[in-house]
C-alpha atoms as a PDB file:
ATOM      1  CA  GLN A   1     253.373 165.073 123.772  1.00  0.00           C
ATOM      2  CA  VAL A   2     256.080 167.576 122.765  1.00  0.00           C
ATOM      3  CA  HIS A   3     257.496 169.966 125.339  1.00  0.00           C
ATOM      4  CA  LEU A   4     260.190 172.635 125.131  1.00  0.00           C
ATOM      5  CA  VAL A   5     261.084 174.203 128.462  1.00  0.00           C
ATOM      6  CA  GLU A   6     263.346 177.249 128.703  1.00  0.00           C
ATOM      7  CA  SER A   7     265.254 178.402 131.757  1.00  0.00           C
ATOM      8  CA  GLY A   8     268.079 180.749 132.702  1.00  0.00           C
ATOM      9  CA  GLY A   9     266.517 184.143 132.095  1.00  0.00           C
ATOM     10  CA  GLY A  10     266.884 186.980 134.552  1.00  0.00           C
ATOM     11  CA  SER A  11     267.901 190.578 135.112  1.00  0.00           C
ATOM     12  CA  VAL A  12     271.481 191.733 134.559  1.00  0.00           C
ATOM     13  CA  PRO A  13     273.240 195.083 134.155  1.00  0.00           C
ATOM     14  CA  ASN A  14     274.595 196.392 130.881  1.00  0.00           C
ATOM     15  CA  GLY A  15     277.618 194.272 129.917  1.00  0.00           C
ATOM     16  CA  GLY A  16     276.551 191.234 131.914  1.00  0.00           C
ATOM     17  CA  SER A  17     276.124 187.614 130.868  1.00  0.00           C
ATOM     18  CA  LEU A  18     273.417 184.956 130.981  1.00  0.00           C
ATOM     19  CA  ARG A  19     273.130 181.381 129.755  1.00  0.00           C
ATOM     20  CA  LEU A  20     269.738 180.161 128.590  1.00  0.00           C
ATOM     21  CA  SER A  21     268.816 176.491 128.392  1.00  0.00           C
ATOM     22  CA  CYS A  22     266.002 174.658 126.618  1.00  0.00           C
ATOM     23  CA  VAL A  23     265.148 171.009 127.252  1.00  0.00           C
ATOM     24  CA  GLY A  24     263.105 169.200 124.603  1.00  0.00           C
ATOM     25  CA  SER A  25     261.053 166.046 124.927  1.00  0.00           C
ATOM     26  CA  GLY A  26     258.511 164.072 122.916  1.00  0.00           C
ATOM     27  CA  TYR A  27     260.287 164.299 119.548  1.00  0.00           C
ATOM     28  CA  THR A  28     263.521 163.142 117.917  1.00  0.00           C
ATOM     29  CA  TYR A  29     265.666 166.031 119.082  1.00  0.00           C
ATOM     30  CA  SER A  30     268.735 165.329 116.928  1.00  0.00           C
ATOM     31  CA  THR A  31     266.779 165.572 113.635  1.00  0.00           C
ATOM     32  CA  TYR A  32     265.499 169.112 114.290  1.00  0.00           C
ATOM     33  CA  CYS A  33     266.968 172.518 113.662  1.00  0.00           C
ATOM     34  CA  MET A  34     266.891 174.375 116.975  1.00  0.00           C
ATOM     35  CA  ALA A  35     266.636 178.131 117.337  1.00  0.00           C
ATOM     36  CA  TRP A  36     266.233 181.039 119.722  1.00  0.00           C
ATOM     37  CA  PHE A  37     263.834 183.896 118.965  1.00  0.00           C
ATOM     38  CA  ARG A  38     263.042 186.966 121.024  1.00  0.00           C
ATOM     39  CA  GLN A  39     260.133 189.374 121.227  1.00  0.00           C
ATOM     40  CA  VAL A  40     259.289 192.694 122.859  1.00  0.00           C
ATOM     41  CA  PRO A  41     255.742 194.104 123.126  1.00  0.00           C
ATOM     42  CA  GLY A  42     254.535 195.700 119.905  1.00  0.00           C
ATOM     43  CA  LYS A  43     257.265 194.226 117.718  1.00  0.00           C
ATOM     44  CA  GLU A  44     257.579 191.122 115.551  1.00  0.00           C
ATOM     45  CA  ARG A  45     259.359 188.092 116.888  1.00  0.00           C
ATOM     46  CA  GLU A  46     262.940 188.079 115.590  1.00  0.00           C
ATOM     47  CA  GLY A  47     265.492 185.348 115.114  1.00  0.00           C
ATOM     48  CA  VAL A  48     268.463 185.441 117.472  1.00  0.00           C
ATOM     49  CA  ALA A  49     270.404 182.285 116.687  1.00  0.00           C
ATOM     50  CA  ARG A  50     269.869 178.859 115.150  1.00  0.00           C
ATOM     51  CA  ILE A  51     271.831 175.636 114.970  1.00  0.00           C
ATOM     52  CA  SER A  52     271.433 172.904 112.378  1.00  0.00           C
ATOM     53  CA  THR A  53     271.274 169.151 112.767  1.00  0.00           C
ATOM     54  CA  SER A  54     274.957 169.094 111.743  1.00  0.00           C
ATOM     55  CA  ASP A  55     275.884 171.572 114.519  1.00  0.00           C
ATOM     56  CA  ASN A  56     276.311 174.589 112.206  1.00  0.00           C
ATOM     57  CA  PRO A  57     275.354 177.870 113.949  1.00  0.00           C
ATOM     58  CA  THR A  58     273.878 181.018 112.394  1.00  0.00           C
ATOM     59  CA  TYR A  59     273.265 184.340 114.161  1.00  0.00           C
ATOM     60  CA  GLY A  60     271.188 187.421 113.655  1.00  0.00           C
ATOM     61  CA  ASP A  61     273.275 190.528 112.986  1.00  0.00           C
ATOM     62  CA  PRO A  62     272.587 192.281 116.332  1.00  0.00           C
ATOM     63  CA  VAL A  63     274.091 189.433 118.378  1.00  0.00           C
ATOM     64  CA  LYS A  64     277.038 188.350 116.222  1.00  0.00           C
ATOM     65  CA  GLY A  65     280.231 188.125 118.233  1.00  0.00           C
ATOM     66  CA  ARG A  66     278.393 188.269 121.564  1.00  0.00           C
ATOM     67  CA  PHE A  67     276.104 185.209 121.675  1.00  0.00           C
ATOM     68  CA  THR A  68     276.949 181.536 121.182  1.00  0.00           C
ATOM     69  CA  ILE A  69     274.368 178.844 120.437  1.00  0.00           C
ATOM     70  CA  SER A  70     275.113 175.178 121.095  1.00  0.00           C
ATOM     71  CA  ARG A  71     273.282 171.885 121.457  1.00  0.00           C
ATOM     72  CA  ASP A  72     273.830 168.689 123.410  1.00  0.00           C
ATOM     73  CA  ASN A  73     271.925 165.898 121.683  1.00  0.00           C
ATOM     74  CA  THR A  74     272.693 163.438 124.479  1.00  0.00           C
ATOM     75  CA  LYS A  75     270.690 165.646 126.851  1.00  0.00           C
ATOM     76  CA  ASN A  76     268.097 166.993 124.368  1.00  0.00           C
ATOM     77  CA  THR A  77     269.234 170.455 125.437  1.00  0.00           C
ATOM     78  CA  LEU A  78     269.808 173.723 123.569  1.00  0.00           C
ATOM     79  CA  TYR A  79     271.914 176.540 125.025  1.00  0.00           C
ATOM     80  CA  LEU A  80     272.420 180.233 124.369  1.00  0.00           C
ATOM     81  CA  GLN A  81     275.436 181.851 126.000  1.00  0.00           C
ATOM     82  CA  MET A  82     274.867 185.611 126.003  1.00  0.00           C
ATOM     83  CA  ASN A  83     277.823 187.887 126.758  1.00  0.00           C
ATOM     84  CA  SER A  84     278.252 191.667 126.664  1.00  0.00           C
ATOM     85  CA  LEU A  85     274.507 192.103 127.022  1.00  0.00           C
ATOM     86  CA  LYS A  86     272.946 195.418 126.014  1.00  0.00           C
ATOM     87  CA  PRO A  87     269.605 196.988 126.996  1.00  0.00           C
ATOM     88  CA  GLU A  88     268.355 196.353 123.454  1.00  0.00           C
ATOM     89  CA  ASP A  89     268.750 192.612 124.099  1.00  0.00           C
ATOM     90  CA  THR A  90     265.857 192.822 126.560  1.00  0.00           C
ATOM     91  CA  GLY A  91     262.919 190.628 125.609  1.00  0.00           C
ATOM     92  CA  LEU A  92     261.101 187.346 125.979  1.00  0.00           C
ATOM     93  CA  TYR A  93     263.324 184.602 124.586  1.00  0.00           C
ATOM     94  CA  TYR A  94     261.741 181.537 122.997  1.00  0.00           C
ATOM     95  CA  CYS A  95     263.212 178.176 122.152  1.00  0.00           C
ATOM     96  CA  ALA A  96     261.865 176.644 118.927  1.00  0.00           C
ATOM     97  CA  ALA A  97     262.277 173.442 116.909  1.00  0.00           C
ATOM     98  CA  LYS A  98     261.808 172.769 113.173  1.00  0.00           C
ATOM     99  CA  TYR A  99     262.209 169.445 111.428  1.00  0.00           C
ATOM    100  CA  TYR A 100     265.651 169.074 109.838  1.00  0.00           C
ATOM    101  CA  PHE A 101     266.373 172.154 107.642  1.00  0.00           C
ATOM    102  CA  CYS A 102     266.820 175.555 109.283  1.00  0.00           C
ATOM    103  CA  THR A 103     265.022 178.802 108.436  1.00  0.00           C
ATOM    104  CA  TRP A 104     264.373 182.164 110.088  1.00  0.00           C
ATOM    105  CA  ARG A 105     260.639 182.025 109.335  1.00  0.00           C
ATOM    106  CA  THR A 106     258.769 181.767 112.614  1.00  0.00           C
ATOM    107  CA  ALA A 107     255.738 180.174 110.924  1.00  0.00           C
ATOM    108  CA  ALA A 108     257.881 177.264 109.756  1.00  0.00           C
ATOM    109  CA  PHE A 109     258.799 176.107 113.245  1.00  0.00           C
ATOM    110  CA  ASP A 110     256.957 173.110 114.592  1.00  0.00           C
ATOM    111  CA  TYR A 111     257.352 173.504 118.344  1.00  0.00           C
ATOM    112  CA  TRP A 112     257.796 176.412 120.746  1.00  0.00           C
ATOM    113  CA  GLY A 113     258.637 176.838 124.383  1.00  0.00           C
ATOM    114  CA  GLN A 114     256.837 179.158 126.777  1.00  0.00           C
ATOM    115  CA  GLY A 115     259.574 181.790 126.828  1.00  0.00           C
ATOM    116  CA  THR A 116     261.992 183.098 129.434  1.00  0.00           C
ATOM    117  CA  GLN A 117     262.413 186.791 130.211  1.00  0.00           C
ATOM    118  CA  VAL A 118     265.763 188.540 129.771  1.00  0.00           C
ATOM    119  CA  THR A 119     266.075 192.074 131.100  1.00  0.00           C
ATOM    120  CA  VAL A 120     269.227 194.170 130.687  1.00  0.00           C
ATOM    121  CA  SER A 121     269.333 197.429 132.616  1.00  0.00           C
ATOM    122  CA  PRO A 122     271.346 200.437 131.452  1.00  0.00           C
END
């Protein structure tokens, strides 16, 4: 049984930092592209960051220069370091896994976590 469990969300002021974590189990973690998506009510889920099986990161334009995605295959854990947070970063952040090759298409991802809330106050 596959599980992805996010943690690390919370409430911070404008300019603050958070580090999200996602622990995967039940699949071969190192052979999957891992990604973070976020969603606010009434809007489509959007890609935040992704990292390939070869450790190559890619970021959505709104977070470039502020967020850093990383993975630790020895711990089956994905991270998202979020710095200089803005109110528009507020949302429910999801960890997701897709076999081998990366994409931004949400429908292509095989596994999803339950989400962790990030709230940035002005």
